[in-house]
Amino acid sequence: RCSKSVVAQPTLWGNLLIGPLARELHDPKTESASTRDILTELIAKTAATYPAFDPGMVIHSFTGARAKSDRGDWIIEESEACAGFIHAAGIDSPGLAGSPAIALEVVELLRRAGLATPANDCFNPYRRPIIRPKNGWKGLSLKRDEPTAKVICKCELVTEAEIVDAIHRPLRCDSTQAVRKRTRAGMGHCQGTYCESRVHEIIERETGKPAAEVAKRPWPESSLLPERWVDDSFKDMLRGLMPAKED
């Protein structure tokens, strides 16, 4: 059963984001859907509201599995088996919008469980931004030595200084995927083909971790696309999934 509608919306960076699509599977061993079936449904539903979009211009797709609550609601409660362990499970739509309230509820549950939660008078709720606004390539270069001007990800114009800043934040990120989520390094058209190895080297340098311990972005586990950079034949296949136009 499909449990989500599909929207087409421009992002802050100008890309077109389409989706999501969700299917409820009760037995993954016997229930499944091919990649082509999923892409066909996603493209058809998008074309119904935005017929001018070109599926062959795809940069990336995201897919995965999430646990679904059988209670018909989110599970936010203290574990009956382990005191002080808080469940926040089965969080689906609208989990992102509900996350601030979920956090407050979890804090309250921890208080009831006996955790001391003194107020932090120095707490600043406003996080200093990692990504800095840029005026194109003005003042930036692939060869500059200054970290604030040296571009590591040329698709998204992410500088070395932004990557180093993200790595050393209190909630540290020590994988190329984590840096990607914080800075957008690797989110552009080449999907990290150019910059992931450079980000990997910076993480090694800043954390002191051996290269083998710095995780890279998993591929293709999270994608419906066969390669990071799809060829023309795959793009043509996607365009062929567009519904026929009515006269």
Protein backbone atom coordinates (compact mmCIF):
# COMPACT_ATOMS: atom_id res chain seq x y z
CA ARG A 1 0.00 0.00 0.00
CA CYS A 2 1.31 3.42 -0.95
CA SER A 3 1.14 5.75 2.03
CA LYS A 4 2.46 9.06 0.69
CA SER A 5 1.59 11.68 -1.85
CA VAL A 6 4.22 13.09 -4.19
CA VAL A 7 5.16 16.76 -4.39
CA ALA A 8 7.47 18.68 -6.72
CA GLN A 9 9.21 21.61 -5.09
CA PRO A 10 12.27 23.77 -5.80
CA THR A 11 14.96 23.75 -3.14
CA LEU A 12 16.81 26.75 -1.74
CA TRP A 13 19.69 25.89 -4.09
CA GLY A 14 17.52 25.79 -7.23
CA ASN A 15 17.24 22.03 -7.68
CA LEU A 16 13.86 20.38 -8.17
CA LEU A 17 12.99 17.91 -5.42
CA ILE A 18 10.30 15.31 -6.19
CA GLY A 19 8.79 12.73 -3.86
CA PRO A 20 8.48 11.08 -1.48
CA LEU A 21 6.93 7.72 -2.22
CA ALA A 22 6.37 5.11 0.49
CA ARG A 23 5.20 1.51 0.35
CA GLU A 24 4.16 -0.50 3.38
CA LEU A 25 5.74 -3.96 3.40
CA HIS A 26 4.70 -6.45 6.05
CA ASP A 27 6.91 -9.28 4.78
CA PRO A 28 9.96 -8.10 2.81
CA LYS A 29 10.66 -11.69 1.76
CA THR A 30 7.42 -11.97 -0.19
CA GLU A 31 6.55 -8.32 -0.88
CA SER A 32 8.72 -6.20 -3.09
CA ALA A 33 8.73 -3.73 -5.96
CA SER A 34 11.28 -3.34 -8.73
CA THR A 35 13.29 -0.16 -9.11
CA ARG A 36 11.57 0.47 -12.44
CA ASP A 37 8.11 0.14 -10.86
CA ILE A 38 8.99 2.65 -8.14
CA LEU A 39 10.51 5.14 -10.59
CA THR A 40 7.53 4.77 -12.94
CA GLU A 41 5.06 5.59 -10.18
CA LEU A 42 7.15 8.48 -8.87
CA ILE A 43 7.57 10.04 -12.32
CA ALA A 44 3.91 9.56 -13.25
CA LYS A 45 2.66 11.23 -10.07
CA THR A 46 5.08 14.12 -10.52
CA ALA A 47 4.06 14.61 -14.15
CA ALA A 48 0.41 14.91 -13.10
CA THR A 49 1.14 18.21 -11.36
CA TYR A 50 4.32 19.32 -13.12
CA PRO A 51 4.28 17.96 -16.69
CA ALA A 52 7.25 20.08 -17.82
CA PHE A 53 9.87 18.42 -15.60
CA ASP A 54 12.65 16.34 -17.18
CA PRO A 55 13.40 13.10 -15.28
CA GLY A 56 16.60 12.69 -17.31
CA MET A 57 18.13 15.61 -15.38
CA VAL A 58 18.22 13.57 -12.16
CA ILE A 59 21.24 14.07 -9.89
CA HIS A 60 20.45 11.58 -7.13
CA SER A 61 17.71 9.54 -5.54
CA PHE A 62 17.28 8.42 -1.95
CA THR A 63 15.63 5.28 -0.69
CA GLY A 64 15.61 3.29 2.51
CA ALA A 65 13.57 1.42 5.08
CA ARG A 66 11.98 2.76 8.23
CA ALA A 67 10.22 1.03 11.08
CA LYS A 68 6.46 1.57 11.16
CA SER A 69 4.55 1.60 14.43
CA ASP A 70 1.72 -0.93 14.65
CA ARG A 71 -0.08 1.31 17.16
CA GLY A 72 -1.16 3.87 14.61
CA ASP A 73 0.92 6.54 16.36
CA TRP A 74 4.48 7.39 17.32
CA ILE A 75 6.08 5.52 20.22
CA ILE A 76 7.59 8.00 22.69
CA GLU A 77 7.93 6.42 26.13
CA GLU A 78 10.32 4.97 28.69
CA SER A 79 11.25 1.35 28.14
CA GLU A 80 9.51 -1.14 30.42
CA ALA A 81 12.54 -3.43 30.23
CA CYS A 82 15.34 -0.91 30.78
CA ALA A 83 14.88 2.01 33.18
CA GLY A 84 16.10 5.32 31.81
CA PHE A 85 15.99 4.12 28.20
CA ILE A 86 13.60 6.24 26.12
CA HIS A 87 11.94 4.97 22.97
CA ALA A 88 11.36 7.47 20.15
CA ALA A 89 10.30 5.05 17.45
CA GLY A 90 7.97 4.78 14.50
CA ILE A 91 8.48 8.49 13.79
CA ASP A 92 7.22 9.01 10.26
CA SER A 93 5.35 11.95 8.76
CA PRO A 94 5.44 14.67 9.98
CA GLY A 95 8.48 13.71 12.05
CA LEU A 96 10.64 16.61 10.91
CA ALA A 97 8.03 19.19 11.90
CA GLY A 98 7.38 17.36 15.16
CA SER A 99 11.03 16.88 16.15
CA PRO A 100 11.29 19.96 18.45
CA ALA A 101 8.24 18.83 20.44
CA ILE A 102 9.51 15.23 20.48
CA ALA A 103 12.81 16.44 21.97
CA LEU A 104 11.01 18.30 24.75
CA GLU A 105 8.88 15.24 25.49
CA VAL A 106 11.98 13.03 25.71
CA VAL A 107 13.62 15.49 28.12
CA GLU A 108 10.51 15.40 30.32
CA LEU A 109 10.52 11.59 30.28
CA LEU A 110 14.19 11.57 31.30
CA ARG A 111 13.39 13.92 34.19
CA ARG A 112 10.65 11.59 35.38
CA ALA A 113 13.13 8.71 35.11
CA GLY A 114 15.43 10.51 37.56
CA LEU A 115 17.93 12.28 35.31
CA ALA A 116 19.14 15.61 36.68
CA THR A 117 18.60 18.30 34.05
CA PRO A 118 19.81 21.61 35.49
CA ALA A 119 19.27 24.66 33.30
CA ASN A 120 22.26 25.84 31.27
CA ASP A 121 22.28 29.62 31.62
CA CYS A 122 24.89 29.89 28.86
CA PHE A 123 22.87 27.94 26.29
CA ASN A 124 22.54 29.73 22.96
CA PRO A 125 19.67 28.35 20.86
CA TYR A 126 21.00 30.01 17.72
CA ARG A 127 23.59 27.84 15.98
CA ARG A 128 26.31 29.63 14.05
CA PRO A 129 25.83 28.71 10.38
CA ILE A 130 28.32 26.43 8.67
CA ILE A 131 27.51 27.32 5.07
CA ARG A 132 28.47 30.89 4.19
CA PRO A 133 26.70 32.85 1.42
CA LYS A 134 28.89 33.29 -1.67
CA ASN A 135 28.84 35.49 -4.75
CA GLY A 136 29.65 32.83 -7.31
CA TRP A 137 33.39 32.16 -7.56
CA LYS A 138 34.32 35.69 -6.48
CA GLY A 139 37.28 35.44 -4.07
CA LEU A 140 37.38 31.64 -4.37
CA SER A 141 39.74 29.26 -6.15
CA LEU A 142 40.60 25.58 -6.38
CA LYS A 143 44.28 26.43 -5.85
CA ARG A 144 44.24 29.08 -3.11
CA ASP A 145 46.03 28.24 0.14
CA GLU A 146 43.69 30.17 2.46
CA PRO A 147 41.09 27.73 3.85
CA THR A 148 38.33 30.35 3.59
CA ALA A 149 38.98 30.77 -0.14
CA LYS A 150 40.07 27.26 -1.15
CA VAL A 151 37.19 25.38 -2.77
CA ILE A 152 37.02 21.64 -2.07
CA CYS A 153 33.61 20.93 -3.64
CA LYS A 154 33.39 22.87 -6.89
CA CYS A 155 29.76 21.94 -7.59
CA GLU A 156 28.48 23.51 -4.36
CA LEU A 157 31.40 25.92 -3.74
CA VAL A 158 32.18 24.43 -0.33
CA THR A 159 35.46 25.70 1.11
CA GLU A 160 38.05 23.93 3.22
CA ALA A 161 37.24 26.24 6.14
CA GLU A 162 33.58 25.21 6.11
CA ILE A 163 34.52 21.52 6.15
CA VAL A 164 37.01 21.99 9.00
CA ASP A 165 34.39 23.99 10.94
CA ALA A 166 31.84 21.18 10.56
CA ILE A 167 34.33 18.53 11.67
CA HIS A 168 35.12 20.37 14.92
CA ARG A 169 31.57 21.28 15.95
CA PRO A 170 30.40 19.81 19.31
CA LEU A 171 28.44 17.17 17.39
CA ARG A 172 31.45 16.09 15.37
CA CYS A 173 31.24 14.59 11.91
CA ASP A 174 34.01 12.19 10.98
CA SER A 175 32.76 10.61 7.76
CA THR A 176 32.36 11.98 4.25
CA GLN A 177 28.61 11.40 4.47
CA ALA A 178 28.36 13.42 7.69
CA VAL A 179 30.35 16.29 6.15
CA ARG A 180 28.10 16.12 3.11
CA LYS A 181 24.98 16.51 5.26
CA ARG A 182 26.41 19.53 7.12
CA THR A 183 28.14 21.41 4.30
CA ARG A 184 26.67 20.08 1.01
CA ALA A 185 30.13 18.94 -0.14
CA GLY A 186 29.21 16.13 -2.53
CA MET A 187 25.58 17.12 -3.08
CA GLY A 188 26.15 18.71 -6.46
CA HIS A 189 25.99 17.42 -9.99
CA CYS A 190 29.03 15.11 -9.75
CA GLN A 191 27.78 13.63 -6.44
CA GLY A 192 31.19 13.64 -4.80
CA THR A 193 33.13 12.13 -7.71
CA TYR A 194 35.51 15.09 -7.58
CA CYS A 195 35.54 16.07 -3.91
CA GLU A 196 34.90 13.01 -1.72
CA SER A 197 38.55 11.92 -1.71
CA ARG A 198 39.62 15.47 -0.78
CA VAL A 199 37.06 15.63 2.04
CA HIS A 200 38.34 12.23 3.21
CA GLU A 201 41.90 13.60 3.43
CA ILE A 202 40.75 16.63 5.44
CA ILE A 203 38.91 14.40 7.92
CA GLU A 204 42.05 12.26 8.34
CA ARG A 205 44.15 15.36 8.98
CA GLU A 206 41.75 17.04 11.40
CA THR A 207 40.75 13.97 13.45
CA GLY A 208 44.00 12.01 13.36
CA LYS A 209 42.10 8.90 12.28
CA PRO A 210 43.73 6.35 9.96
CA ALA A 211 42.31 6.39 6.43
CA ALA A 212 40.65 3.00 6.92
CA GLU A 213 38.62 4.35 9.86
CA VAL A 214 37.18 7.33 7.99
CA ALA A 215 33.91 6.09 6.54
CA LYS A 216 32.88 7.02 3.03
CA ARG A 217 29.42 7.50 1.67
CA PRO A 218 27.68 4.16 1.13
CA TRP A 219 26.89 3.56 -2.52
CA PRO A 220 24.60 2.38 -4.01
CA GLU A 221 22.77 1.19 -0.89
CA SER A 222 20.77 4.42 -0.56
CA SER A 223 20.08 5.08 -4.24
CA LEU A 224 17.73 3.91 -6.97
CA LEU A 225 20.33 4.95 -9.54
CA PRO A 226 22.91 2.42 -10.80
CA GLU A 227 25.84 4.87 -10.72
CA ARG A 228 26.70 8.23 -9.20
CA TRP A 229 26.91 9.66 -12.71
CA VAL A 230 24.22 8.01 -14.85
CA ASP A 231 24.83 7.67 -18.58
CA ASP A 232 22.64 8.85 -21.44
CA SER A 233 20.95 5.47 -21.86
CA PHE A 234 19.67 5.53 -18.27
CA LYS A 235 18.53 9.15 -18.67
CA ASP A 236 16.64 8.17 -21.82
CA MET A 237 15.05 5.27 -19.92
CA LEU A 238 13.82 7.69 -17.26
CA ARG A 239 12.41 10.02 -19.91
CA GLY A 240 10.64 7.03 -21.43
CA LEU A 241 8.75 6.52 -18.14
CA MET A 242 6.94 9.84 -18.57
CA PRO A 243 3.21 9.31 -19.24
CA ALA A 244 2.12 9.91 -22.82
CA LYS A 245 0.75 13.40 -23.36
CA GLU A 246 -2.92 13.62 -24.17
CA ASP A 247 -3.92 15.41 -27.36
